[in-house]
Amino acid sequence: MKKILLVCVILALTGGCSTKKVPYVTFKREYKENRFTKQFQEADSMFKEQYKYKK
């Protein structure tokens, strides 16, 4: 009886810990992209293309 109870407790703990995941929608809602980041990336790529800059 105690072995069965112990196995059930272990399964409940491992199952409970593995299902706690942050939903993608919540993360996306909290994260707002900085509008200047996109502009900087576009300007950077234009500069690299115009001056043929390579690292």
PDB file of N, CA and C in Angstrom:
ATOM      1  N   MET A   1       0.829  -1.199   0.000  1.00  0.00           N
ATOM      2  CA  MET A   1       0.000   0.000   0.000  1.00  0.00           C
ATOM      3  C   MET A   1       0.873   1.263   0.000  1.00  0.00           C
ATOM      4  N   LYS A   2       1.909   1.251   0.847  1.00  0.00           N
ATOM      5  CA  LYS A   2       2.788   2.414   0.916  1.00  0.00           C
ATOM      6  C   LYS A   2       3.589   2.581  -0.374  1.00  0.00           C
ATOM      7  N   LYS A   3       3.943   1.463  -1.003  1.00  0.00           N
ATOM      8  CA  LYS A   3       4.704   1.536  -2.254  1.00  0.00           C
ATOM      9  C   LYS A   3       3.863   2.154  -3.362  1.00  0.00           C
ATOM     10  N   ILE A   4       2.600   1.781  -3.407  1.00  0.00           N
ATOM     11  CA  ILE A   4       1.696   2.333  -4.424  1.00  0.00           C
ATOM     12  C   ILE A   4       1.508   3.829  -4.195  1.00  0.00           C
ATOM     13  N   LEU A   5       1.338   4.218  -2.948  1.00  0.00           N
ATOM     14  CA  LEU A   5       1.178   5.633  -2.614  1.00  0.00           C
ATOM     15  C   LEU A   5       2.447   6.413  -2.973  1.00  0.00           C
ATOM     16  N   LEU A   6       3.599   5.846  -2.687  1.00  0.00           N
ATOM     17  CA  LEU A   6       4.868   6.489  -3.007  1.00  0.00           C
ATOM     18  C   LEU A   6       5.037   6.657  -4.518  1.00  0.00           C
ATOM     19  N   VAL A   7       4.688   5.642  -5.284  1.00  0.00           N
ATOM     20  CA  VAL A   7       4.775   5.721  -6.740  1.00  0.00           C
ATOM     21  C   VAL A   7       3.821   6.784  -7.276  1.00  0.00           C
ATOM     22  N   CYS A   8       2.621   6.846  -6.725  1.00  0.00           N
ATOM     23  CA  CYS A   8       1.650   7.862  -7.167  1.00  0.00           C
ATOM     24  C   CYS A   8       2.143   9.270  -6.857  1.00  0.00           C
ATOM     25  N   VAL A   9       2.748   9.456  -5.693  1.00  0.00           N
ATOM     26  CA  VAL A   9       3.272  10.776  -5.323  1.00  0.00           C
ATOM     27  C   VAL A   9       4.417  11.171  -6.253  1.00  0.00           C
ATOM     28  N   ILE A  10       5.296  10.245  -6.545  1.00  0.00           N
ATOM     29  CA  ILE A  10       6.420  10.543  -7.443  1.00  0.00           C
ATOM     30  C   ILE A  10       5.918  10.881  -8.845  1.00  0.00           C
ATOM     31  N   LEU A  11       4.950  10.134  -9.331  1.00  0.00           N
ATOM     32  CA  LEU A  11       4.386  10.428 -10.656  1.00  0.00           C
ATOM     33  C   LEU A  11       3.689  11.782 -10.674  1.00  0.00           C
ATOM     34  N   ALA A  12       2.977  12.098  -9.606  1.00  0.00           N
ATOM     35  CA  ALA A  12       2.282  13.389  -9.541  1.00  0.00           C
ATOM     36  C   ALA A  12       3.280  14.540  -9.519  1.00  0.00           C
ATOM     37  N   LEU A  13       4.365  14.382  -8.780  1.00  0.00           N
ATOM     38  CA  LEU A  13       5.366  15.449  -8.712  1.00  0.00           C
ATOM     39  C   LEU A  13       6.090  15.629 -10.042  1.00  0.00           C
ATOM     40  N   THR A  14       6.483  14.542 -10.667  1.00  0.00           N
ATOM     41  CA  THR A  14       7.190  14.669 -11.948  1.00  0.00           C
ATOM     42  C   THR A  14       6.252  15.150 -13.049  1.00  0.00           C
ATOM     43  N   GLY A  15       5.025  14.715 -13.036  1.00  0.00           N
ATOM     44  CA  GLY A  15       4.058  15.168 -14.038  1.00  0.00           C
ATOM     45  C   GLY A  15       3.691  16.620 -13.845  1.00  0.00           C
ATOM     46  N   GLY A  16       3.562  17.052 -12.610  1.00  0.00           N
ATOM     47  CA  GLY A  16       3.219  18.444 -12.318  1.00  0.00           C
ATOM     48  C   GLY A  16       4.337  19.396 -12.680  1.00  0.00           C
ATOM     49  N   CYS A  17       5.556  18.983 -12.468  1.00  0.00           N
ATOM     50  CA  CYS A  17       6.698  19.849 -12.775  1.00  0.00           C
ATOM     51  C   CYS A  17       6.913  19.980 -14.279  1.00  0.00           C
ATOM     52  N   SER A  18       6.624  18.943 -15.015  1.00  0.00           N
ATOM     53  CA  SER A  18       6.891  18.992 -16.452  1.00  0.00           C
ATOM     54  C   SER A  18       5.816  19.745 -17.229  1.00  0.00           C
ATOM     55  N   THR A  19       4.639  19.942 -16.654  1.00  0.00           N
ATOM     56  CA  THR A  19       3.574  20.617 -17.390  1.00  0.00           C
ATOM     57  C   THR A  19       3.542  22.121 -17.155  1.00  0.00           C
ATOM     58  N   LYS A  20       4.395  22.652 -16.300  1.00  0.00           N
ATOM     59  CA  LYS A  20       4.392  24.090 -16.033  1.00  0.00           C
ATOM     60  C   LYS A  20       5.219  24.801 -17.090  1.00  0.00           C
ATOM     61  N   LYS A  21       4.583  25.188 -18.172  1.00  0.00           N
ATOM     62  CA  LYS A  21       5.258  25.890 -19.256  1.00  0.00           C
ATOM     63  C   LYS A  21       4.545  27.212 -19.494  1.00  0.00           C
ATOM     64  N   VAL A  22       5.310  28.220 -19.846  1.00  0.00           N
ATOM     65  CA  VAL A  22       4.737  29.528 -20.133  1.00  0.00           C
ATOM     66  C   VAL A  22       4.144  29.489 -21.527  1.00  0.00           C
ATOM     67  N   PRO A  23       2.885  29.830 -21.669  1.00  0.00           N
ATOM     68  CA  PRO A  23       2.279  29.834 -23.005  1.00  0.00           C
ATOM     69  C   PRO A  23       2.949  30.869 -23.910  1.00  0.00           C
ATOM     70  N   TYR A  24       3.042  30.547 -25.180  1.00  0.00           N
ATOM     71  CA  TYR A  24       3.677  31.434 -26.156  1.00  0.00           C
ATOM     72  C   TYR A  24       2.902  32.739 -26.303  1.00  0.00           C
ATOM     73  N   VAL A  25       1.575  32.667 -26.182  1.00  0.00           N
ATOM     74  CA  VAL A  25       0.748  33.863 -26.350  1.00  0.00           C
ATOM     75  C   VAL A  25       1.064  34.877 -25.261  1.00  0.00           C
ATOM     76  N   THR A  26       1.240  34.415 -24.033  1.00  0.00           N
ATOM     77  CA  THR A  26       1.557  35.321 -22.932  1.00  0.00           C
ATOM     78  C   THR A  26       2.901  35.989 -23.167  1.00  0.00           C
ATOM     79  N   PHE A  27       3.886  35.221 -23.612  1.00  0.00           N
ATOM     80  CA  PHE A  27       5.206  35.788 -23.879  1.00  0.00           C
ATOM     81  C   PHE A  27       5.131  36.813 -24.998  1.00  0.00           C
ATOM     82  N   LYS A  28       4.395  36.502 -26.050  1.00  0.00           N
ATOM     83  CA  LYS A  28       4.301  37.408 -27.191  1.00  0.00           C
ATOM     84  C   LYS A  28       3.572  38.691 -26.799  1.00  0.00           C
ATOM     85  N   ARG A  29       2.571  38.579 -25.952  1.00  0.00           N
ATOM     86  CA  ARG A  29       1.812  39.744 -25.527  1.00  0.00           C
ATOM     87  C   ARG A  29       2.679  40.668 -24.675  1.00  0.00           C
ATOM     88  N   GLU A  30       3.552  40.097 -23.839  1.00  0.00           N
ATOM     89  CA  GLU A  30       4.395  40.908 -22.974  1.00  0.00           C
ATOM     90  C   GLU A  30       5.555  41.539 -23.733  1.00  0.00           C
ATOM     91  N   TYR A  31       5.998  40.902 -24.821  1.00  0.00           N
ATOM     92  CA  TYR A  31       7.151  41.393 -25.563  1.00  0.00           C
ATOM     93  C   TYR A  31       6.680  42.299 -26.690  1.00  0.00           C
ATOM     94  N   LYS A  32       7.115  43.535 -26.655  1.00  0.00           N
ATOM     95  CA  LYS A  32       6.813  44.457 -27.744  1.00  0.00           C
ATOM     96  C   LYS A  32       8.136  44.854 -28.381  1.00  0.00           C
ATOM     97  N   GLU A  33       8.230  44.636 -29.677  1.00  0.00           N
ATOM     98  CA  GLU A  33       9.477  44.935 -30.382  1.00  0.00           C
ATOM     99  C   GLU A  33       9.685  46.441 -30.446  1.00  0.00           C
ATOM    100  N   ASN A  34      10.889  46.848 -30.185  1.00  0.00           N
ATOM    101  CA  ASN A  34      11.248  48.247 -30.297  1.00  0.00           C
ATOM    102  C   ASN A  34      11.211  48.625 -31.777  1.00  0.00           C
ATOM    103  N   ARG A  35      10.499  49.694 -32.111  1.00  0.00           N
ATOM    104  CA  ARG A  35      10.338  50.042 -33.527  1.00  0.00           C
ATOM    105  C   ARG A  35      11.648  50.492 -34.148  1.00  0.00           C
ATOM    106  N   PHE A  36      12.578  50.973 -33.324  1.00  0.00           N
ATOM    107  CA  PHE A  36      13.860  51.409 -33.860  1.00  0.00           C
ATOM    108  C   PHE A  36      14.769  50.229 -34.180  1.00  0.00           C
ATOM    109  N   THR A  37      14.514  49.085 -33.568  1.00  0.00           N
ATOM    110  CA  THR A  37      15.330  47.903 -33.844  1.00  0.00           C
ATOM    111  C   THR A  37      15.197  47.500 -35.302  1.00  0.00           C
ATOM    112  N   LYS A  38      13.982  47.474 -35.800  1.00  0.00           N
ATOM    113  CA  LYS A  38      13.752  47.083 -37.193  1.00  0.00           C
ATOM    114  C   LYS A  38      14.370  48.111 -38.144  1.00  0.00           C
ATOM    115  N   GLN A  39      14.218  49.394 -37.834  1.00  0.00           N
ATOM    116  CA  GLN A  39      14.796  50.430 -38.681  1.00  0.00           C
ATOM    117  C   GLN A  39      16.319  50.328 -38.704  1.00  0.00           C
ATOM    118  N   PHE A  40      16.912  50.046 -37.544  1.00  0.00           N
ATOM    119  CA  PHE A  40      18.367  49.911 -37.487  1.00  0.00           C
ATOM    120  C   PHE A  40      18.835  48.716 -38.305  1.00  0.00           C
ATOM    121  N   GLN A  41      18.112  47.614 -38.231  1.00  0.00           N
ATOM    122  CA  GLN A  41      18.491  46.427 -38.994  1.00  0.00           C
ATOM    123  C   GLN A  41      18.410  46.693 -40.492  1.00  0.00           C
ATOM    124  N   GLU A  42      17.373  47.427 -40.916  1.00  0.00           N
ATOM    125  CA  GLU A  42      17.242  47.754 -42.337  1.00  0.00           C
ATOM    126  C   GLU A  42      18.374  48.674 -42.791  1.00  0.00           C
ATOM    127  N   ALA A  43      18.686  49.682 -41.981  1.00  0.00           N
ATOM    128  CA  ALA A  43      19.764  50.601 -42.341  1.00  0.00           C
ATOM    129  C   ALA A  43      21.108  49.884 -42.354  1.00  0.00           C
ATOM    130  N   ASP A  44      21.300  48.986 -41.416  1.00  0.00           N
ATOM    131  CA  ASP A  44      22.550  48.231 -41.353  1.00  0.00           C
ATOM    132  C   ASP A  44      22.724  47.352 -42.585  1.00  0.00           C
ATOM    133  N   SER A  45      21.646  46.697 -42.996  1.00  0.00           N
ATOM    134  CA  SER A  45      21.750  45.838 -44.176  1.00  0.00           C
ATOM    135  C   SER A  45      21.963  46.669 -45.444  1.00  0.00           C
ATOM    136  N   MET A  46      21.353  47.860 -45.517  1.00  0.00           N
ATOM    137  CA  MET A  46      21.575  48.727 -46.673  1.00  0.00           C
ATOM    138  C   MET A  46      23.030  49.195 -46.723  1.00  0.00           C
ATOM    139  N   PHE A  47      23.590  49.529 -45.560  1.00  0.00           N
ATOM    140  CA  PHE A  47      24.989  49.952 -45.501  1.00  0.00           C
ATOM    141  C   PHE A  47      25.909  48.830 -45.958  1.00  0.00           C
ATOM    142  N   LYS A  48      25.656  47.634 -45.467  1.00  0.00           N
ATOM    143  CA  LYS A  48      26.506  46.499 -45.835  1.00  0.00           C
ATOM    144  C   LYS A  48      26.410  46.209 -47.325  1.00  0.00           C
ATOM    145  N   GLU A  49      25.207  46.364 -47.876  1.00  0.00           N
ATOM    146  CA  GLU A  49      25.020  46.106 -49.303  1.00  0.00           C
ATOM    147  C   GLU A  49      25.704  47.178 -50.145  1.00  0.00           C
ATOM    148  N   GLN A  50      25.569  48.438 -49.729  1.00  0.00           N
ATOM    149  CA  GLN A  50      26.127  49.538 -50.510  1.00  0.00           C
ATOM    150  C   GLN A  50      27.655  49.529 -50.484  1.00  0.00           C
ATOM    151  N   TYR A  51      28.243  49.308 -49.317  1.00  0.00           N
ATOM    152  CA  TYR A  51      29.696  49.360 -49.186  1.00  0.00           C
ATOM    153  C   TYR A  51      30.341  47.978 -49.219  1.00  0.00           C
ATOM    154  N   LYS A  52      29.527  46.957 -49.480  1.00  0.00           N
ATOM    155  CA  LYS A  52      29.999  45.576 -49.561  1.00  0.00           C
ATOM    156  C   LYS A  52      30.854  45.205 -48.353  1.00  0.00           C
ATOM    157  N   TYR A  53      30.309  45.534 -47.188  1.00  0.00           N
ATOM    158  CA  TYR A  53      30.986  45.284 -45.911  1.00  0.00           C
ATOM    159  C   TYR A  53      30.840  43.822 -45.530  1.00  0.00           C
ATOM    160  N   LYS A  54      31.961  43.198 -45.205  1.00  0.00           N
ATOM    161  CA  LYS A  54      31.946  41.802 -44.768  1.00  0.00           C
ATOM    162  C   LYS A  54      32.789  41.680 -43.519  1.00  0.00           C
ATOM    163  N   LYS A  55      32.344  40.870 -42.575  1.00  0.00           N
ATOM    164  CA  LYS A  55      33.115  40.635 -41.349  1.00  0.00           C
ATOM    165  C   LYS A  55      34.139  39.576 -41.573  1.00  0.00           C
TER     166      LYS A  55
END
